[in-house]
């Protein structure tokens, strides 16, 4: 379903309206989810999120990665989710350009690796000491992917839309203190046909 939302773009402030694409599908083992993609034709901004059909509570999912087999564990990450790998000092928080995605643990590690490589390129041009730190983190990510380093990956989602699908994954509710310390990313209201806010 495609519709135009009478709301200015949060990035470029264009008042031409945002396009909203809504797709409802069954994600194996996760159940029914609504994929919402909002786009601005003026600046190209795009935001995708996944919302489960069932109401969710603010939650955390964690998985101790200690084998190559864990690389295939499915991950649904919403745009409000913080991902941490504390043992190697990596964390990504939701921001203004944060989007949801469905992947596996290896895909999450590849995203971290891509970010570290981007920082490494900048550090190499600037001649910073950051180069050595980046190289060390890339080496640790490589070891994790090969099953040579044990770490715990943690998803923290104040909206409760993120999950890890694996028998070894552990879920729990977040405390009020944890919720207050988390970023939630850009908060875009969703409207129904009568232009009434529903989310």
N, C-alpha and C. Protein backbone atom coordinates (compact mmCIF):
# COMPACT_ATOMS: atom_id res chain seq x y z
N UNK A 1 0.84 -1.17 0.00
CA UNK A 1 0.00 0.00 0.00
C UNK A 1 0.89 1.24 0.00
N UNK A 2 0.57 2.22 -0.81
CA UNK A 2 1.31 3.48 -0.87
C UNK A 2 0.35 4.61 -0.55
N UNK A 3 0.81 5.55 0.26
CA UNK A 3 0.01 6.74 0.56
C UNK A 3 0.93 7.93 0.78
N UNK A 4 0.36 9.11 0.68
CA UNK A 4 1.10 10.34 0.92
C UNK A 4 0.69 10.86 2.29
N UNK A 5 1.68 11.21 3.10
CA UNK A 5 1.42 11.73 4.45
C UNK A 5 1.63 13.24 4.41
N UNK A 6 0.67 13.95 4.92
CA UNK A 6 0.74 15.42 4.94
C UNK A 6 1.64 15.85 6.10
N UNK A 7 2.94 15.60 5.94
CA UNK A 7 3.92 15.94 6.97
C UNK A 7 5.21 16.31 6.27
N UNK A 8 5.89 17.33 6.76
CA UNK A 8 7.14 17.74 6.13
C UNK A 8 8.25 16.74 6.45
N UNK A 9 9.25 16.71 5.59
CA UNK A 9 10.38 15.81 5.75
C UNK A 9 11.18 16.20 6.99
N UNK A 10 11.56 15.25 7.84
CA UNK A 10 12.35 15.57 9.03
C UNK A 10 13.79 15.97 8.72
N UNK A 11 14.23 15.73 7.48
CA UNK A 11 15.61 16.05 7.11
C UNK A 11 15.69 17.37 6.35
N UNK A 12 14.92 17.50 5.25
CA UNK A 12 15.03 18.69 4.40
C UNK A 12 13.87 19.67 4.60
N UNK A 13 12.89 19.29 5.41
CA UNK A 13 11.71 20.13 5.72
C UNK A 13 10.83 20.42 4.50
N UNK A 14 10.97 19.64 3.43
CA UNK A 14 10.10 19.80 2.27
C UNK A 14 8.65 19.55 2.70
N UNK A 15 7.75 20.40 2.24
CA UNK A 15 6.35 20.26 2.61
C UNK A 15 5.53 19.58 1.51
N UNK A 16 6.20 18.87 0.61
CA UNK A 16 5.50 18.17 -0.48
C UNK A 16 4.83 16.89 0.01
N UNK A 17 5.10 16.51 1.24
CA UNK A 17 4.53 15.28 1.80
C UNK A 17 5.48 14.11 1.65
N UNK A 18 5.38 13.19 2.55
CA UNK A 18 6.21 11.99 2.54
C UNK A 18 5.41 10.83 1.99
N UNK A 19 6.08 9.94 1.25
CA UNK A 19 5.43 8.73 0.77
C UNK A 19 5.61 7.64 1.81
N UNK A 20 4.54 6.92 2.09
CA UNK A 20 4.58 5.82 3.04
C UNK A 20 4.20 4.54 2.32
N UNK A 21 5.08 3.55 2.39
CA UNK A 21 4.81 2.24 1.82
C UNK A 21 4.65 1.27 2.98
N UNK A 22 3.54 0.54 2.99
CA UNK A 22 3.27 -0.41 4.06
C UNK A 22 3.12 -1.80 3.45
N UNK A 23 3.85 -2.75 4.00
CA UNK A 23 3.79 -4.13 3.51
C UNK A 23 3.69 -5.05 4.74
N UNK A 24 2.65 -5.86 4.76
CA UNK A 24 2.45 -6.80 5.86
C UNK A 24 2.84 -8.19 5.37
N UNK A 25 3.69 -8.85 6.15
CA UNK A 25 4.12 -10.19 5.75
C UNK A 25 4.38 -11.05 6.98
N UNK A 26 4.46 -12.33 6.72
CA UNK A 26 4.77 -13.31 7.75
C UNK A 26 6.26 -13.58 7.68
N UNK A 27 6.99 -13.27 8.74
CA UNK A 27 8.41 -13.56 8.80
C UNK A 27 8.57 -14.88 9.52
N UNK A 28 9.17 -15.90 8.87
CA UNK A 28 9.29 -17.21 9.51
C UNK A 28 9.84 -17.11 10.93
N UNK A 29 9.15 -17.76 11.85
CA UNK A 29 9.51 -17.87 13.27
C UNK A 29 9.27 -16.58 14.07
N UNK A 30 9.06 -15.44 13.41
CA UNK A 30 8.81 -14.19 14.12
C UNK A 30 7.34 -13.84 14.12
N UNK A 31 6.60 -14.36 13.16
CA UNK A 31 5.19 -14.03 13.06
C UNK A 31 4.94 -12.87 12.12
N UNK A 32 3.72 -12.35 12.17
CA UNK A 32 3.33 -11.28 11.27
C UNK A 32 3.97 -9.96 11.67
N UNK A 33 4.54 -9.29 10.68
CA UNK A 33 5.18 -7.99 10.88
C UNK A 33 4.70 -7.02 9.82
N UNK A 34 4.69 -5.76 10.17
CA UNK A 34 4.40 -4.72 9.20
C UNK A 34 5.71 -4.00 8.89
N UNK A 35 6.06 -3.97 7.62
CA UNK A 35 7.24 -3.22 7.19
C UNK A 35 6.76 -1.87 6.68
N UNK A 36 7.23 -0.81 7.29
CA UNK A 36 6.86 0.54 6.88
C UNK A 36 8.09 1.26 6.37
N UNK A 37 7.99 1.80 5.16
CA UNK A 37 9.08 2.58 4.58
C UNK A 37 8.55 3.96 4.25
N UNK A 38 9.18 4.98 4.79
CA UNK A 38 8.80 6.36 4.54
C UNK A 38 9.90 6.99 3.70
N UNK A 39 9.49 7.74 2.65
CA UNK A 39 10.47 8.32 1.73
C UNK A 39 10.13 9.76 1.41
N UNK A 40 11.18 10.55 1.18
CA UNK A 40 11.02 11.92 0.73
C UNK A 40 11.57 12.02 -0.68
N UNK A 41 10.73 12.41 -1.65
CA UNK A 41 11.19 12.55 -3.03
C UNK A 41 12.12 13.75 -3.22
N UNK A 42 12.04 14.73 -2.32
CA UNK A 42 12.85 15.94 -2.47
C UNK A 42 14.32 15.71 -2.17
N UNK A 43 14.63 15.01 -1.06
CA UNK A 43 16.04 14.83 -0.68
C UNK A 43 16.50 13.38 -0.73
N UNK A 44 15.57 12.44 -0.93
CA UNK A 44 15.95 11.04 -1.00
C UNK A 44 16.00 10.33 0.34
N UNK A 45 15.65 11.04 1.43
CA UNK A 45 15.66 10.41 2.75
C UNK A 45 14.72 9.23 2.76
N UNK A 46 15.13 8.16 3.46
CA UNK A 46 14.33 6.95 3.52
C UNK A 46 14.47 6.35 4.92
N UNK A 47 13.38 5.86 5.46
CA UNK A 47 13.40 5.23 6.77
C UNK A 47 12.53 3.99 6.71
N UNK A 48 13.08 2.85 7.11
CA UNK A 48 12.34 1.59 7.13
C UNK A 48 12.29 1.08 8.56
N UNK A 49 11.16 0.51 8.92
CA UNK A 49 11.02 -0.07 10.25
C UNK A 49 10.14 -1.30 10.17
N UNK A 50 10.31 -2.18 11.15
CA UNK A 50 9.51 -3.39 11.25
C UNK A 50 8.75 -3.36 12.56
N UNK A 51 7.45 -3.59 12.51
CA UNK A 51 6.62 -3.56 13.70
C UNK A 51 5.86 -4.88 13.78
N UNK A 52 6.02 -5.61 14.89
CA UNK A 52 5.31 -6.89 15.03
C UNK A 52 3.82 -6.67 15.22
N UNK A 53 3.02 -7.63 14.76
CA UNK A 53 1.57 -7.53 14.89
C UNK A 53 1.16 -7.57 16.36
N UNK A 54 1.85 -8.38 17.14
CA UNK A 54 1.54 -8.47 18.56
C UNK A 54 2.20 -7.31 19.30
N UNK A 55 1.51 -6.78 20.30
CA UNK A 55 2.10 -5.72 21.11
C UNK A 55 3.33 -6.22 21.84
N UNK A 56 4.35 -5.42 21.91
CA UNK A 56 5.59 -5.83 22.55
C UNK A 56 5.94 -4.86 23.67
N UNK A 57 6.71 -5.36 24.63
CA UNK A 57 7.20 -4.53 25.73
C UNK A 57 8.66 -4.21 25.48
N UNK A 58 9.14 -3.10 26.03
CA UNK A 58 10.57 -2.78 25.88
C UNK A 58 11.41 -3.99 26.29
N UNK A 59 12.32 -4.39 25.43
CA UNK A 59 13.03 -5.62 25.73
C UNK A 59 14.46 -5.66 25.24
N UNK A 60 15.14 -6.67 25.76
CA UNK A 60 16.53 -6.94 25.39
C UNK A 60 16.61 -8.39 24.93
N UNK A 61 17.39 -8.60 23.87
CA UNK A 61 17.70 -9.94 23.41
C UNK A 61 19.22 -10.07 23.41
N UNK A 62 19.72 -11.20 23.85
CA UNK A 62 21.16 -11.41 23.85
C UNK A 62 21.49 -12.83 23.39
N UNK A 63 22.68 -12.96 22.81
CA UNK A 63 23.15 -14.27 22.37
C UNK A 63 24.65 -14.33 22.56
N UNK A 64 25.10 -15.36 23.30
CA UNK A 64 26.53 -15.60 23.43
C UNK A 64 27.00 -16.32 22.16
N UNK A 65 27.87 -15.67 21.44
CA UNK A 65 28.37 -16.22 20.18
C UNK A 65 29.65 -16.97 20.49
N UNK A 66 29.58 -18.30 20.36
CA UNK A 66 30.76 -19.11 20.63
C UNK A 66 30.99 -20.21 19.61
N UNK A 67 30.29 -20.11 18.46
CA UNK A 67 30.51 -21.07 17.39
C UNK A 67 30.12 -20.45 16.05
N UNK A 68 30.63 -21.03 14.98
CA UNK A 68 30.27 -20.57 13.64
C UNK A 68 28.78 -20.75 13.41
N UNK A 69 28.19 -21.75 14.02
CA UNK A 69 26.76 -22.03 13.86
C UNK A 69 25.91 -20.82 14.26
N UNK A 70 26.38 -20.03 15.22
CA UNK A 70 25.63 -18.85 15.66
C UNK A 70 25.55 -17.76 14.58
N UNK A 71 26.43 -17.83 13.57
CA UNK A 71 26.42 -16.81 12.51
C UNK A 71 25.10 -16.79 11.75
N UNK A 72 24.37 -17.91 11.74
CA UNK A 72 23.12 -17.99 10.98
C UNK A 72 21.90 -17.61 11.79
N UNK A 73 22.06 -17.29 13.07
CA UNK A 73 20.91 -16.90 13.90
C UNK A 73 20.26 -15.65 13.32
N UNK A 74 18.94 -15.69 13.11
CA UNK A 74 18.21 -14.58 12.50
C UNK A 74 18.09 -13.42 13.48
N UNK A 75 18.17 -12.19 12.93
CA UNK A 75 18.05 -10.97 13.72
C UNK A 75 17.07 -10.03 13.04
N UNK A 76 16.09 -9.55 13.80
CA UNK A 76 15.24 -8.45 13.35
C UNK A 76 15.62 -7.26 14.20
N UNK A 77 16.12 -6.22 13.54
CA UNK A 77 16.55 -5.01 14.25
C UNK A 77 15.65 -3.85 13.80
N UNK A 78 14.92 -3.26 14.76
CA UNK A 78 14.07 -2.12 14.42
C UNK A 78 14.90 -0.84 14.47
N UNK A 79 14.33 0.24 13.98
CA UNK A 79 15.08 1.50 13.94
C UNK A 79 15.29 2.11 15.33
N UNK A 80 14.65 1.54 16.35
CA UNK A 80 14.82 2.06 17.72
C UNK A 80 15.78 1.22 18.56
N UNK A 81 16.48 0.28 17.93
CA UNK A 81 17.31 -0.69 18.65
C UNK A 81 18.78 -0.27 18.74
N UNK A 82 19.36 -0.43 19.92
CA UNK A 82 20.80 -0.29 20.14
C UNK A 82 21.41 -1.68 20.12
N UNK A 83 22.52 -1.85 19.41
CA UNK A 83 23.23 -3.13 19.37
C UNK A 83 24.59 -2.95 20.01
N UNK A 84 24.93 -3.86 20.94
CA UNK A 84 26.22 -3.79 21.65
C UNK A 84 26.98 -5.10 21.55
N UNK A 85 28.29 -4.99 21.39
CA UNK A 85 29.22 -6.10 21.59
C UNK A 85 30.29 -5.53 22.52
N UNK A 86 30.03 -5.61 23.81
CA UNK A 86 30.85 -4.93 24.81
C UNK A 86 32.28 -5.44 24.85
N UNK A 87 32.48 -6.75 24.61
CA UNK A 87 33.82 -7.33 24.72
C UNK A 87 34.82 -6.71 23.76
N UNK A 88 34.35 -6.17 22.64
CA UNK A 88 35.28 -5.56 21.68
C UNK A 88 34.98 -4.07 21.49
N UNK A 89 34.16 -3.51 22.39
CA UNK A 89 33.94 -2.07 22.40
C UNK A 89 33.16 -1.53 21.22
N UNK A 90 32.16 -2.28 20.74
CA UNK A 90 31.35 -1.80 19.63
C UNK A 90 29.90 -1.59 20.06
N UNK A 91 29.32 -0.50 19.58
CA UNK A 91 27.92 -0.20 19.86
C UNK A 91 27.39 0.69 18.75
N UNK A 92 26.17 0.43 18.32
CA UNK A 92 25.50 1.31 17.38
C UNK A 92 24.15 1.68 17.98
N UNK A 93 23.90 2.99 18.03
CA UNK A 93 22.65 3.50 18.57
C UNK A 93 21.78 4.01 17.43
N UNK A 94 20.46 4.03 17.63
CA UNK A 94 19.60 4.59 16.59
C UNK A 94 19.80 6.09 16.49
N UNK A 95 19.70 6.60 15.28
CA UNK A 95 19.85 8.03 15.06
C UNK A 95 18.84 8.51 14.04
N UNK A 96 19.05 9.69 13.52
CA UNK A 96 18.12 10.29 12.58
C UNK A 96 18.01 9.54 11.27
N UNK A 97 19.01 8.73 10.93
CA UNK A 97 18.99 8.00 9.66
C UNK A 97 18.90 6.50 9.90
N UNK A 98 18.50 6.10 11.11
CA UNK A 98 18.45 4.70 11.48
C UNK A 98 17.29 3.99 10.79
N UNK A 99 17.57 2.81 10.26
CA UNK A 99 16.54 2.00 9.62
C UNK A 99 16.53 0.61 10.22
N UNK A 100 15.38 -0.02 10.16
CA UNK A 100 15.27 -1.40 10.59
C UNK A 100 15.74 -2.33 9.48
N UNK A 101 16.10 -3.56 9.85
CA UNK A 101 16.50 -4.55 8.86
C UNK A 101 16.36 -5.94 9.43
N UNK A 102 16.33 -6.92 8.54
CA UNK A 102 16.32 -8.33 8.91
C UNK A 102 17.58 -8.94 8.33
N UNK A 103 18.34 -9.65 9.17
CA UNK A 103 19.59 -10.25 8.73
C UNK A 103 19.90 -11.44 9.63
N UNK A 104 21.16 -11.80 9.74
CA UNK A 104 21.60 -12.80 10.70
C UNK A 104 22.79 -12.22 11.46
N UNK A 105 23.34 -12.99 12.41
CA UNK A 105 24.45 -12.48 13.22
C UNK A 105 25.64 -12.08 12.34
N UNK A 106 25.94 -12.90 11.33
CA UNK A 106 27.04 -12.55 10.44
C UNK A 106 26.77 -11.22 9.74
N UNK A 107 25.52 -10.97 9.35
CA UNK A 107 25.16 -9.71 8.71
C UNK A 107 25.35 -8.53 9.65
N UNK A 108 25.02 -8.70 10.93
CA UNK A 108 25.24 -7.64 11.92
C UNK A 108 26.75 -7.36 12.04
N UNK A 109 27.56 -8.42 12.11
CA UNK A 109 29.01 -8.25 12.20
C UNK A 109 29.56 -7.58 10.96
N UNK A 110 29.02 -7.91 9.79
CA UNK A 110 29.45 -7.26 8.55
C UNK A 110 29.14 -5.77 8.58
N UNK A 111 27.99 -5.39 9.14
CA UNK A 111 27.64 -3.97 9.24
C UNK A 111 28.63 -3.25 10.16
N UNK A 112 28.98 -3.88 11.29
CA UNK A 112 29.99 -3.29 12.18
C UNK A 112 31.32 -3.16 11.43
N UNK A 113 31.70 -4.21 10.71
CA UNK A 113 32.96 -4.20 9.97
C UNK A 113 32.99 -3.07 8.95
N UNK A 114 31.87 -2.87 8.24
CA UNK A 114 31.80 -1.79 7.25
C UNK A 114 31.99 -0.42 7.88
N UNK A 115 31.41 -0.23 9.07
CA UNK A 115 31.55 1.06 9.77
C UNK A 115 33.00 1.26 10.20
N UNK A 116 33.62 0.21 10.75
CA UNK A 116 35.02 0.31 11.18
C UNK A 116 35.92 0.61 9.98
N UNK A 117 35.65 -0.04 8.84
CA UNK A 117 36.45 0.21 7.64
C UNK A 117 36.30 1.65 7.16
N UNK A 118 35.11 2.21 7.28
CA UNK A 118 34.89 3.60 6.89
C UNK A 118 35.71 4.53 7.80
N UNK A 119 35.71 4.26 9.10
CA UNK A 119 36.49 5.05 10.05
C UNK A 119 37.98 4.88 9.75
N UNK A 120 38.38 3.66 9.40
CA UNK A 120 39.79 3.37 9.07
C UNK A 120 40.25 4.18 7.85
N UNK A 121 39.41 4.26 6.83
CA UNK A 121 39.78 5.05 5.64
C UNK A 121 40.02 6.51 6.00
N UNK A 122 39.13 7.06 6.83
CA UNK A 122 39.28 8.45 7.25
C UNK A 122 40.54 8.63 8.10
N UNK A 123 40.76 7.69 9.02
CA UNK A 123 41.93 7.77 9.90
C UNK A 123 43.22 7.66 9.10
N UNK A 124 43.23 6.82 8.05
CA UNK A 124 44.41 6.65 7.20
C UNK A 124 44.75 7.96 6.48
N UNK A 125 43.72 8.64 5.98
CA UNK A 125 43.95 9.92 5.30
C UNK A 125 44.45 10.99 6.27
N UNK A 126 43.93 10.96 7.50
CA UNK A 126 44.29 11.98 8.48
C UNK A 126 45.53 11.62 9.28
N UNK A 127 46.05 10.40 9.12
CA UNK A 127 47.23 9.98 9.85
C UNK A 127 47.02 9.89 11.34
N UNK A 128 45.85 9.45 11.76
CA UNK A 128 45.52 9.39 13.18
C UNK A 128 45.96 8.07 13.81
N UNK A 129 45.99 8.08 15.14
CA UNK A 129 46.31 6.87 15.90
C UNK A 129 45.17 5.87 15.85
N UNK A 130 44.03 6.30 15.36
CA UNK A 130 42.84 5.46 15.29
C UNK A 130 43.06 4.25 14.39
N UNK A 131 44.02 4.31 13.48
CA UNK A 131 44.27 3.22 12.53
C UNK A 131 44.50 1.91 13.27
N UNK A 132 45.36 1.92 14.27
CA UNK A 132 45.68 0.69 15.01
C UNK A 132 44.44 0.14 15.71
N UNK A 133 43.63 1.00 16.31
CA UNK A 133 42.41 0.56 16.99
C UNK A 133 41.44 -0.07 16.00
N UNK A 134 41.31 0.54 14.83
CA UNK A 134 40.42 0.00 13.80
C UNK A 134 40.89 -1.37 13.33
N UNK A 135 42.18 -1.51 13.08
CA UNK A 135 42.73 -2.78 12.63
C UNK A 135 42.51 -3.88 13.67
N UNK A 136 42.65 -3.52 14.94
CA UNK A 136 42.44 -4.49 16.02
C UNK A 136 40.98 -4.93 16.07
N UNK A 137 40.05 -3.98 15.91
CA UNK A 137 38.62 -4.33 15.94
C UNK A 137 38.24 -5.20 14.74
N UNK A 138 38.78 -4.89 13.58
CA UNK A 138 38.50 -5.70 12.40
C UNK A 138 39.02 -7.13 12.59
N UNK A 139 40.19 -7.26 13.21
CA UNK A 139 40.74 -8.58 13.49
C UNK A 139 39.83 -9.35 14.45
N UNK A 140 39.31 -8.67 15.47
CA UNK A 140 38.42 -9.32 16.43
C UNK A 140 37.10 -9.74 15.79
N UNK A 141 36.55 -8.91 14.90
CA UNK A 141 35.32 -9.28 14.18
C UNK A 141 35.58 -10.52 13.33
N UNK A 142 36.73 -10.56 12.67
CA UNK A 142 37.10 -11.73 11.86
C UNK A 142 37.17 -12.98 12.73
N UNK A 143 37.76 -12.88 13.92
CA UNK A 143 37.87 -14.01 14.84
C UNK A 143 36.48 -14.48 15.28
N UNK A 144 35.57 -13.54 15.56
CA UNK A 144 34.21 -13.90 15.97
C UNK A 144 33.53 -14.69 14.85
N UNK A 145 33.64 -14.20 13.62
CA UNK A 145 32.98 -14.84 12.49
C UNK A 145 33.53 -16.24 12.22
N UNK A 146 34.79 -16.48 12.60
CA UNK A 146 35.40 -17.80 12.42
C UNK A 146 35.26 -18.70 13.64
N UNK A 147 34.57 -18.23 14.66
CA UNK A 147 34.35 -19.05 15.85
C UNK A 147 35.54 -19.09 16.78
N UNK A 148 36.49 -18.16 16.63
CA UNK A 148 37.71 -18.16 17.45
C UNK A 148 37.65 -17.19 18.63
N UNK A 149 36.57 -16.44 18.76
CA UNK A 149 36.45 -15.48 19.85
C UNK A 149 35.01 -15.49 20.34
N UNK A 150 34.82 -15.62 21.65
CA UNK A 150 33.47 -15.65 22.24
C UNK A 150 33.08 -14.25 22.69
N UNK A 151 31.92 -13.80 22.26
CA UNK A 151 31.37 -12.51 22.67
C UNK A 151 29.86 -12.66 22.86
N UNK A 152 29.27 -11.64 23.44
CA UNK A 152 27.82 -11.61 23.57
C UNK A 152 27.29 -10.42 22.78
N UNK A 153 26.33 -10.68 21.90
CA UNK A 153 25.69 -9.60 21.17
C UNK A 153 24.37 -9.29 21.87
N UNK A 154 24.12 -7.99 22.08
CA UNK A 154 22.95 -7.57 22.85
C UNK A 154 22.14 -6.58 22.03
N UNK A 155 20.83 -6.83 21.92
CA UNK A 155 19.90 -5.89 21.31
C UNK A 155 19.08 -5.26 22.43
N UNK A 156 19.03 -3.94 22.47
CA UNK A 156 18.26 -3.21 23.48
C UNK A 156 17.25 -2.33 22.74
N UNK A 157 15.97 -2.65 22.88
CA UNK A 157 14.95 -1.95 22.11
C UNK A 157 13.84 -1.43 23.02
N UNK A 158 13.80 -0.11 23.24
CA UNK A 158 12.75 0.45 24.10
C UNK A 158 11.35 0.31 23.51
N UNK A 159 11.25 0.04 22.20
CA UNK A 159 9.95 -0.17 21.57
C UNK A 159 9.57 -1.65 21.54
N UNK A 160 10.53 -2.52 21.80
CA UNK A 160 10.25 -3.96 21.87
C UNK A 160 10.05 -4.64 20.53
N UNK A 161 10.57 -4.07 19.44
CA UNK A 161 10.35 -4.62 18.12
C UNK A 161 11.48 -5.49 17.61
N UNK A 162 12.59 -5.57 18.31
CA UNK A 162 13.77 -6.30 17.83
C UNK A 162 13.85 -7.67 18.49
N UNK A 163 14.43 -8.64 17.75
CA UNK A 163 14.50 -10.01 18.26
C UNK A 163 15.72 -10.72 17.67
N UNK A 164 16.16 -11.76 18.40
CA UNK A 164 17.15 -12.71 17.88
C UNK A 164 16.48 -14.08 17.90
N UNK A 165 16.49 -14.76 16.77
CA UNK A 165 15.86 -16.07 16.67
C UNK A 165 16.92 -17.16 16.75
N UNK A 166 17.03 -17.73 17.93
CA UNK A 166 17.95 -18.85 18.13
C UNK A 166 17.60 -19.47 19.48
N UNK A 167 17.75 -20.78 19.57
CA UNK A 167 17.44 -21.47 20.83
C UNK A 167 18.30 -20.97 21.99
N UNK A 168 19.53 -20.48 21.69
CA UNK A 168 20.43 -20.00 22.75
C UNK A 168 20.19 -18.53 23.11
N UNK A 169 19.33 -17.84 22.36
CA UNK A 169 19.07 -16.42 22.63
C UNK A 169 18.23 -16.27 23.89
N UNK A 170 18.51 -15.20 24.63
CA UNK A 170 17.80 -14.92 25.89
C UNK A 170 17.11 -13.57 25.76
N UNK A 171 15.83 -13.54 26.17
CA UNK A 171 15.11 -12.27 26.14
C UNK A 171 14.69 -11.89 27.56
N UNK A 172 14.56 -10.59 27.77
CA UNK A 172 14.10 -10.08 29.06
C UNK A 172 13.53 -8.69 28.85
N UNK A 173 12.74 -8.24 29.81
CA UNK A 173 12.22 -6.87 29.74
C UNK A 173 13.28 -5.89 30.22
N UNK A 174 13.26 -4.69 29.67
CA UNK A 174 14.18 -3.63 30.10
C UNK A 174 13.61 -2.93 31.32
N UNK A 175 14.50 -2.50 32.21
CA UNK A 175 14.08 -1.72 33.37
C UNK A 175 13.83 -0.27 32.95
N UNK A 176 13.14 0.47 33.78
CA UNK A 176 12.88 1.88 33.49
C UNK A 176 14.19 2.66 33.37
N UNK A 177 15.18 2.33 34.21
CA UNK A 177 16.49 3.01 34.14
C UNK A 177 17.17 2.73 32.81
N UNK A 178 17.12 1.47 32.35
CA UNK A 178 17.73 1.12 31.07
C UNK A 178 17.03 1.86 29.93
N UNK A 179 15.71 1.91 29.97
CA UNK A 179 14.95 2.58 28.92
C UNK A 179 15.31 4.06 28.85
N UNK A 180 15.44 4.70 30.01
CA UNK A 180 15.74 6.14 30.03
C UNK A 180 17.13 6.45 29.48
N UNK A 181 18.04 5.46 29.50
CA UNK A 181 19.41 5.66 28.99
C UNK A 181 19.55 5.38 27.49
N UNK A 182 18.49 4.86 26.87
CA UNK A 182 18.58 4.46 25.47
C UNK A 182 18.05 5.52 24.53
N UNK A 183 18.70 5.63 23.38
CA UNK A 183 18.20 6.46 22.28
C UNK A 183 17.09 5.67 21.58
N UNK A 184 16.13 6.39 20.99
CA UNK A 184 15.10 5.68 20.24
C UNK A 184 15.09 6.05 18.77
N UNK A 185 16.00 6.91 18.37
CA UNK A 185 16.05 7.30 16.97
C UNK A 185 15.00 8.33 16.64
N UNK A 186 14.78 8.50 15.36
CA UNK A 186 13.81 9.49 14.91
C UNK A 186 12.41 8.96 15.16
N UNK A 187 11.55 9.80 15.71
CA UNK A 187 10.19 9.39 16.03
C UNK A 187 9.24 10.02 15.03
N UNK A 188 8.81 9.21 14.08
CA UNK A 188 7.93 9.69 13.03
C UNK A 188 6.53 9.16 13.28
N UNK A 189 5.56 10.04 13.46
CA UNK A 189 4.20 9.56 13.69
C UNK A 189 3.62 8.93 12.42
N UNK A 190 2.82 7.90 12.61
CA UNK A 190 2.14 7.24 11.50
C UNK A 190 0.66 7.62 11.60
N UNK A 191 0.10 7.98 10.46
CA UNK A 191 -1.28 8.46 10.42
C UNK A 191 -2.15 7.47 9.65
N UNK A 192 -3.46 7.45 10.01
CA UNK A 192 -4.39 6.64 9.22
C UNK A 192 -5.00 7.50 8.13
N UNK A 193 -5.96 6.95 7.42
CA UNK A 193 -6.56 7.64 6.27
C UNK A 193 -7.18 8.97 6.68
N UNK A 194 -7.71 9.07 7.88
CA UNK A 194 -8.35 10.30 8.33
C UNK A 194 -7.35 11.30 8.90
N UNK A 195 -6.04 11.05 8.67
CA UNK A 195 -4.98 11.93 9.15
C UNK A 195 -4.92 12.03 10.68
N UNK A 196 -5.32 10.94 11.35
CA UNK A 196 -5.24 10.88 12.80
C UNK A 196 -4.00 10.06 13.18
N UNK A 197 -3.25 10.54 14.14
CA UNK A 197 -2.04 9.85 14.52
C UNK A 197 -2.39 8.51 15.17
N UNK A 198 -1.74 7.41 14.69
CA UNK A 198 -2.01 6.10 15.25
C UNK A 198 -0.77 5.50 15.92
N UNK A 199 0.42 6.00 15.61
CA UNK A 199 1.64 5.50 16.24
C UNK A 199 2.52 6.68 16.62
